[in-house]
Structure formats: structure tokens, C-alpha cells
N, C-alpha and C. Protein backbone atom coordinates (compact mmCIF):
# COMPACT_ATOMS: atom_id res chain seq x y z
N UNK A 1 -23.65 22.90 -32.65
CA UNK A 1 -24.29 21.74 -31.41
C UNK A 1 -24.99 20.74 -32.43
N UNK A 2 -24.93 19.58 -31.80
CA UNK A 2 -25.75 18.41 -31.96
C UNK A 2 -26.77 17.82 -31.38
N UNK A 3 -27.57 16.94 -32.15
CA UNK A 3 -28.85 16.51 -31.70
C UNK A 3 -28.84 15.05 -31.55
N UNK A 4 -29.84 14.58 -31.25
CA UNK A 4 -29.85 12.84 -31.27
C UNK A 4 -30.06 12.74 -32.65
N UNK A 5 -30.18 12.89 -33.85
CA UNK A 5 -30.39 12.53 -34.89
C UNK A 5 -28.58 12.37 -35.73
N UNK A 6 -28.21 13.60 -35.18
CA UNK A 6 -26.86 13.83 -35.71
C UNK A 6 -25.89 12.46 -35.18
N UNK A 7 -26.10 12.04 -33.98
CA UNK A 7 -25.30 10.94 -33.48
C UNK A 7 -25.73 9.62 -33.98
N UNK A 8 -26.90 9.56 -34.25
CA UNK A 8 -27.19 8.33 -34.71
C UNK A 8 -26.98 8.22 -36.22
N UNK A 9 -26.87 9.36 -36.83
CA UNK A 9 -25.94 9.37 -38.60
C UNK A 9 -24.78 8.75 -38.02
N UNK A 10 -24.10 9.38 -37.35
CA UNK A 10 -22.90 9.11 -36.87
C UNK A 10 -22.27 8.09 -36.47
N UNK A 11 -22.94 7.38 -35.90
CA UNK A 11 -22.76 5.98 -35.40
C UNK A 11 -23.58 4.73 -36.24
N UNK A 12 -24.07 5.09 -37.28
CA UNK A 12 -25.00 4.31 -38.26
C UNK A 12 -23.93 3.01 -38.68
N UNK A 13 -22.74 3.52 -38.82
CA UNK A 13 -21.73 2.42 -39.79
C UNK A 13 -21.04 1.49 -38.76
N UNK A 14 -21.24 2.25 -37.50
CA UNK A 14 -20.76 1.11 -36.45
C UNK A 14 -21.90 0.05 -35.56
N UNK A 15 -23.19 0.05 -36.03
CA UNK A 15 -23.90 -0.27 -35.12
C UNK A 15 -23.83 -1.62 -35.24
N UNK A 16 -23.45 -2.25 -36.95
CA UNK A 16 -23.29 -3.74 -36.66
C UNK A 16 -22.01 -4.38 -35.58
N UNK A 17 -21.09 -3.53 -35.82
CA UNK A 17 -19.88 -4.09 -34.79
C UNK A 17 -20.29 -3.50 -33.49
N UNK A 18 -20.92 -2.24 -32.74
CA UNK A 18 -21.22 -2.41 -31.70
C UNK A 18 -23.01 -2.32 -31.62
N UNK A 19 -23.49 -3.61 -31.36
CA UNK A 19 -25.21 -3.26 -31.51
C UNK A 19 -25.78 -3.07 -30.32
N UNK A 20 -25.35 -2.35 -29.46
CA UNK A 20 -26.00 -1.58 -28.48
C UNK A 20 -26.75 -0.50 -29.10
N UNK A 21 -28.12 -0.21 -28.60
CA UNK A 21 -28.93 0.82 -28.31
C UNK A 21 -28.67 2.09 -27.00
N UNK A 22 -28.94 3.49 -27.68
CA UNK A 22 -28.28 4.07 -26.68
C UNK A 22 -28.61 4.14 -25.18
N UNK A 23 -30.10 3.55 -25.09
CA UNK A 23 -30.68 3.34 -23.67
C UNK A 23 -29.87 1.78 -22.87
N UNK A 24 -29.72 0.72 -24.10
CA UNK A 24 -28.93 -0.30 -23.37
C UNK A 24 -27.78 0.57 -22.83
N UNK A 25 -27.30 0.87 -23.83
CA UNK A 25 -25.62 1.18 -23.65
C UNK A 25 -25.56 1.77 -22.11
N UNK A 26 -26.36 2.40 -21.26
CA UNK A 26 -26.06 2.92 -20.26
C UNK A 26 -25.92 2.04 -19.22
N UNK A 27 -27.17 0.95 -19.48
CA UNK A 27 -27.02 -0.16 -18.83
C UNK A 27 -26.06 -1.19 -18.23
N UNK A 28 -25.43 -1.65 -19.88
CA UNK A 28 -24.01 -2.07 -19.80
C UNK A 28 -23.28 -1.27 -19.17
N UNK A 29 -23.00 -0.65 -19.35
CA UNK A 29 -21.87 0.89 -18.66
C UNK A 29 -21.82 0.76 -17.28
N UNK A 30 -23.14 0.90 -16.80
CA UNK A 30 -23.21 0.81 -15.23
C UNK A 30 -23.22 -0.60 -14.43
N UNK A 31 -23.53 -1.61 -15.32
CA UNK A 31 -23.36 -3.11 -14.91
C UNK A 31 -21.72 -2.88 -14.85
N UNK A 32 -21.11 -3.10 -15.88
CA UNK A 32 -19.71 -2.96 -16.10
C UNK A 32 -19.05 -2.12 -15.10
N UNK A 33 -19.27 -1.09 -14.63
CA UNK A 33 -18.77 -0.19 -13.58
C UNK A 33 -18.98 -0.78 -12.14
N UNK A 34 -19.95 -1.09 -11.91
CA UNK A 34 -20.55 -1.86 -10.53
C UNK A 34 -19.54 -3.11 -10.63
N UNK A 35 -19.24 -3.73 -11.50
CA UNK A 35 -18.47 -4.88 -11.41
C UNK A 35 -17.11 -4.95 -11.26
N UNK A 36 -16.45 -3.79 -11.83
CA UNK A 36 -15.33 -3.20 -11.62
C UNK A 36 -15.11 -2.51 -10.38
N UNK A 37 -16.10 -1.86 -9.66
CA UNK A 37 -15.93 -1.45 -8.76
C UNK A 37 -16.18 -2.19 -7.32
N UNK A 38 -16.84 -3.26 -7.48
CA UNK A 38 -16.50 -4.67 -6.45
C UNK A 38 -15.22 -5.29 -6.44
N UNK A 39 -15.03 -5.79 -7.63
CA UNK A 39 -13.46 -6.27 -7.60
C UNK A 39 -12.25 -5.62 -6.92
N UNK A 40 -12.26 -4.12 -7.57
CA UNK A 40 -11.41 -3.32 -7.23
C UNK A 40 -11.61 -3.06 -5.69
N UNK A 41 -12.61 -3.11 -5.14
CA UNK A 41 -12.77 -2.99 -3.73
C UNK A 41 -12.31 -4.23 -3.04
N UNK A 42 -12.39 -5.40 -3.57
CA UNK A 42 -12.22 -6.45 -2.93
C UNK A 42 -10.95 -7.01 -3.02
N UNK A 43 -10.22 -6.26 -4.17
CA UNK A 43 -8.85 -6.52 -4.02
C UNK A 43 -8.03 -5.71 -3.23
N UNK A 44 -8.70 -4.32 -3.15
CA UNK A 44 -7.78 -3.57 -2.07
C UNK A 44 -8.10 -3.92 -0.73
N UNK A 45 -9.06 -4.39 -0.29
CA UNK A 45 -9.54 -4.95 0.98
C UNK A 45 -8.42 -5.92 1.26
N UNK A 46 -8.28 -7.51 0.28
CA UNK A 46 -7.57 -8.12 0.58
C UNK A 46 -6.03 -7.98 0.64
N UNK A 47 -5.65 -7.00 -0.40
CA UNK A 47 -4.39 -6.54 0.30
C UNK A 47 -3.97 -6.08 1.20
N UNK A 48 -5.22 -4.91 1.57
CA UNK A 48 -4.27 -4.42 3.02
C UNK A 48 -4.76 -5.39 4.06
N UNK A 49 -5.74 -6.36 3.97
CA UNK A 49 -5.50 -7.32 5.13
C UNK A 49 -4.32 -8.52 4.93
N UNK A 50 -3.81 -8.69 3.94
CA UNK A 50 -2.88 -9.54 3.63
C UNK A 50 -1.08 -8.63 3.94
N UNK A 51 -1.20 -7.25 3.96
CA UNK A 51 -0.19 -6.64 4.72
C UNK A 51 -0.41 -6.15 6.05
N UNK A 52 -1.49 -6.63 6.62
CA UNK A 52 -1.80 -6.26 7.97
C UNK A 52 -1.46 -7.49 8.95
N UNK A 53 -2.08 -8.80 8.18
CA UNK A 53 -1.64 -10.14 8.64
C UNK A 53 -0.22 -10.24 8.57
N UNK A 54 0.71 -9.90 7.57
CA UNK A 54 2.02 -9.84 7.43
C UNK A 54 2.90 -9.16 8.76
N UNK A 55 2.54 -8.07 8.83
CA UNK A 55 2.99 -6.94 9.47
C UNK A 55 2.58 -7.68 11.16
N UNK A 56 1.65 -8.44 11.28
CA UNK A 56 1.47 -8.73 12.91
C UNK A 56 2.15 -9.75 13.09
N UNK A 57 2.52 -11.15 11.69
CA UNK A 57 3.47 -11.91 11.90
C UNK A 57 4.29 -11.44 12.25
N UNK A 58 5.02 -10.82 11.75
CA UNK A 58 6.36 -10.03 11.88
C UNK A 58 6.65 -9.66 13.23
N UNK A 59 5.54 -8.88 13.95
CA UNK A 59 5.52 -8.19 15.14
C UNK A 59 5.96 -9.13 16.08
N UNK A 60 5.47 -10.27 15.74
CA UNK A 60 5.72 -11.36 16.68
C UNK A 60 7.07 -12.04 16.85
N UNK A 61 7.82 -11.56 16.35
CA UNK A 61 9.30 -12.30 15.90
C UNK A 61 10.23 -11.32 16.71
N UNK A 62 10.97 -11.70 17.36
CA UNK A 62 11.80 -10.65 18.16
C UNK A 62 13.37 -11.27 17.69
N UNK A 63 14.03 -10.14 16.87
CA UNK A 63 15.33 -10.32 16.40
C UNK A 63 16.36 -11.21 17.76
N UNK A 64 16.75 -11.90 17.57
CA UNK A 64 18.11 -12.96 17.93
C UNK A 64 19.15 -12.32 18.27
N UNK A 65 19.35 -11.59 19.40
CA UNK A 65 20.69 -10.65 19.57
C UNK A 65 21.08 -11.06 20.94
N UNK A 66 22.50 -11.73 20.69
CA UNK A 66 22.79 -11.75 22.03
C UNK A 66 23.18 -10.58 22.87
N UNK A 67 22.50 -11.07 24.55
CA UNK A 67 22.99 -9.48 24.87
C UNK A 67 24.94 -9.18 24.99
N UNK A 68 25.03 -7.82 24.86
CA UNK A 68 26.18 -7.41 25.01
C UNK A 68 26.68 -6.72 25.84
N UNK A 69 27.55 -6.40 26.84
CA UNK A 69 28.03 -5.02 27.37
C UNK A 69 28.15 -4.26 27.17
N UNK A 70 28.17 -2.87 27.13
CA UNK A 70 28.48 -1.21 26.94
C UNK A 70 29.25 -1.14 27.65
N UNK A 71 30.54 -0.95 27.27
CA UNK A 71 31.32 -0.50 28.07
C UNK A 71 31.40 0.92 28.55
N UNK A 72 31.68 1.49 29.81
CA UNK A 72 31.42 2.58 30.09
C UNK A 72 30.03 3.18 30.65
N UNK A 73 28.84 1.97 30.56
CA UNK A 73 27.54 2.26 30.74
C UNK A 73 27.33 2.34 32.52
N UNK A 74 28.00 1.71 32.84
CA UNK A 74 27.70 1.78 34.56
C UNK A 74 28.34 3.08 34.96
N UNK A 75 29.38 3.54 34.20
CA UNK A 75 29.35 5.15 35.12
C UNK A 75 28.98 6.07 34.28
N UNK A 76 27.85 6.10 33.63
CA UNK A 76 27.32 6.99 32.79
C UNK A 76 26.31 7.64 33.90
N UNK A 77 26.06 9.07 34.01
CA UNK A 77 25.68 10.17 34.95
C UNK A 77 24.30 10.44 34.27
N UNK A 78 23.41 10.62 35.35
CA UNK A 78 21.94 11.23 34.67
C UNK A 78 21.99 12.19 33.60
N UNK A 79 21.08 12.39 32.54
CA UNK A 79 21.08 13.29 31.53
C UNK A 79 22.53 13.40 30.71
N UNK A 80 23.49 12.22 30.43
CA UNK A 80 24.29 12.39 29.92
C UNK A 80 24.24 11.01 28.53
N UNK A 81 25.43 11.54 27.87
CA UNK A 81 24.79 10.26 26.56
C UNK A 81 26.71 9.30 26.74
N UNK A 82 26.22 8.14 25.76
CA UNK A 82 27.39 7.24 25.56
C UNK A 82 27.24 7.08 23.99
N UNK A 83 28.38 6.68 23.36
CA UNK A 83 27.97 6.38 22.03
C UNK A 83 28.33 4.94 21.80
N UNK A 84 27.68 4.29 21.11
CA UNK A 84 28.22 2.73 21.35
C UNK A 84 27.61 2.31 19.90
N UNK A 85 27.91 1.02 19.68
CA UNK A 85 27.65 0.38 18.30
C UNK A 85 26.73 -0.64 18.72
N UNK A 86 26.15 -0.81 18.17
CA UNK A 86 24.82 -1.79 17.89
C UNK A 86 25.01 -2.99 16.66
N UNK A 87 25.88 -3.75 17.10
CA UNK A 87 26.27 -4.95 15.73
C UNK A 87 25.48 -5.41 14.91
N UNK A 88 25.38 -5.33 13.46
CA UNK A 88 24.55 -6.40 12.88
C UNK A 88 23.28 -5.17 12.71
N UNK A 89 22.54 -4.48 13.14
CA UNK A 89 21.16 -4.29 13.35
C UNK A 89 21.54 -3.07 12.42
N UNK A 90 22.29 -2.32 12.09
CA UNK A 90 22.32 -1.08 11.90
C UNK A 90 23.38 -1.08 10.42
N UNK A 91 22.69 -0.32 9.53
CA UNK A 91 23.31 -0.20 8.00
C UNK A 91 24.63 0.56 8.13
N UNK A 92 25.56 0.64 7.48
CA UNK A 92 27.11 1.52 7.81
C UNK A 92 26.81 2.53 7.29
N UNK A 93 25.47 2.75 6.97
CA UNK A 93 25.11 4.92 6.62
C UNK A 93 24.72 5.21 7.79
N UNK A 94 24.22 4.55 8.57
CA UNK A 94 23.68 5.05 9.84
C UNK A 94 24.56 5.32 11.10
N UNK A 95 24.37 6.17 11.60
CA UNK A 95 25.12 6.80 13.14
C UNK A 95 25.14 5.36 14.14
N UNK A 96 26.01 5.72 14.67
CA UNK A 96 25.92 4.72 15.72
C UNK A 96 24.65 5.19 17.05
N UNK A 97 24.44 4.04 17.50
CA UNK A 97 23.30 4.58 18.57
C UNK A 97 23.58 5.36 19.62
N UNK A 98 23.14 5.60 20.43
CA UNK A 98 23.11 6.68 21.56
C UNK A 98 22.13 6.11 22.85
N UNK A 99 22.93 5.94 24.02
CA UNK A 99 22.32 5.52 25.41
C UNK A 99 22.49 6.84 26.03
N UNK A 100 21.28 7.19 26.89
CA UNK A 100 21.11 8.61 27.59
C UNK A 100 20.74 7.94 28.90
N UNK A 101 20.71 8.41 29.74
CA UNK A 101 20.42 8.55 31.39
C UNK A 101 19.62 9.51 31.94
């Protein structure tokens, strides 16, 4: 187990490079921590606000898709389904959309 005198002996060679006393060291660390905490919080807030703003702007845009007739939709009975393709909106790996009634 070590005490205060062991620590001072061990850190004596480094006092010239790091001239902080133990009492002052805690204040410097606390100050740096608070600065880091404030900057990190501000950065996270601005990042979240940026993503929210981008999402709000993109939500206003509606895709420009020409209306298309779905063959067979007029004879679709209630509680039945009809497979159809929705052009240019789905990836090739996705299954076709299903219309239900």
C-alpha cells in the first residue's frame, strides 16, 4: 500500500514537465471534463437537430410517380389480394407489392 510520500517520490522527476500540484490537478481535470462535456453535449444536440431538420425537409417531398392503372383491380373482391409491380420504387430483391380489399 502506498501513502502520499511514496507518490511524491515517484512523481518528483516529472514535476518539471508536469508542474501541477495534486490539489490543483483535480481542478484542471474537472475544468477539462466540464469543457469536454459541454462541447460533446452541444455537438450531439446539433447533430440530432440536423438529422431532424433533414428528415422534416425530406418528408415534405413527395415522389413524382405517374398514376398507373393496376390491371384486374376493379374486379378485386373484398378480403382478397392481387400482386402487382410498382415500377422504379422497389429494389430488385424486394417482392412485388400486394393490393388488398
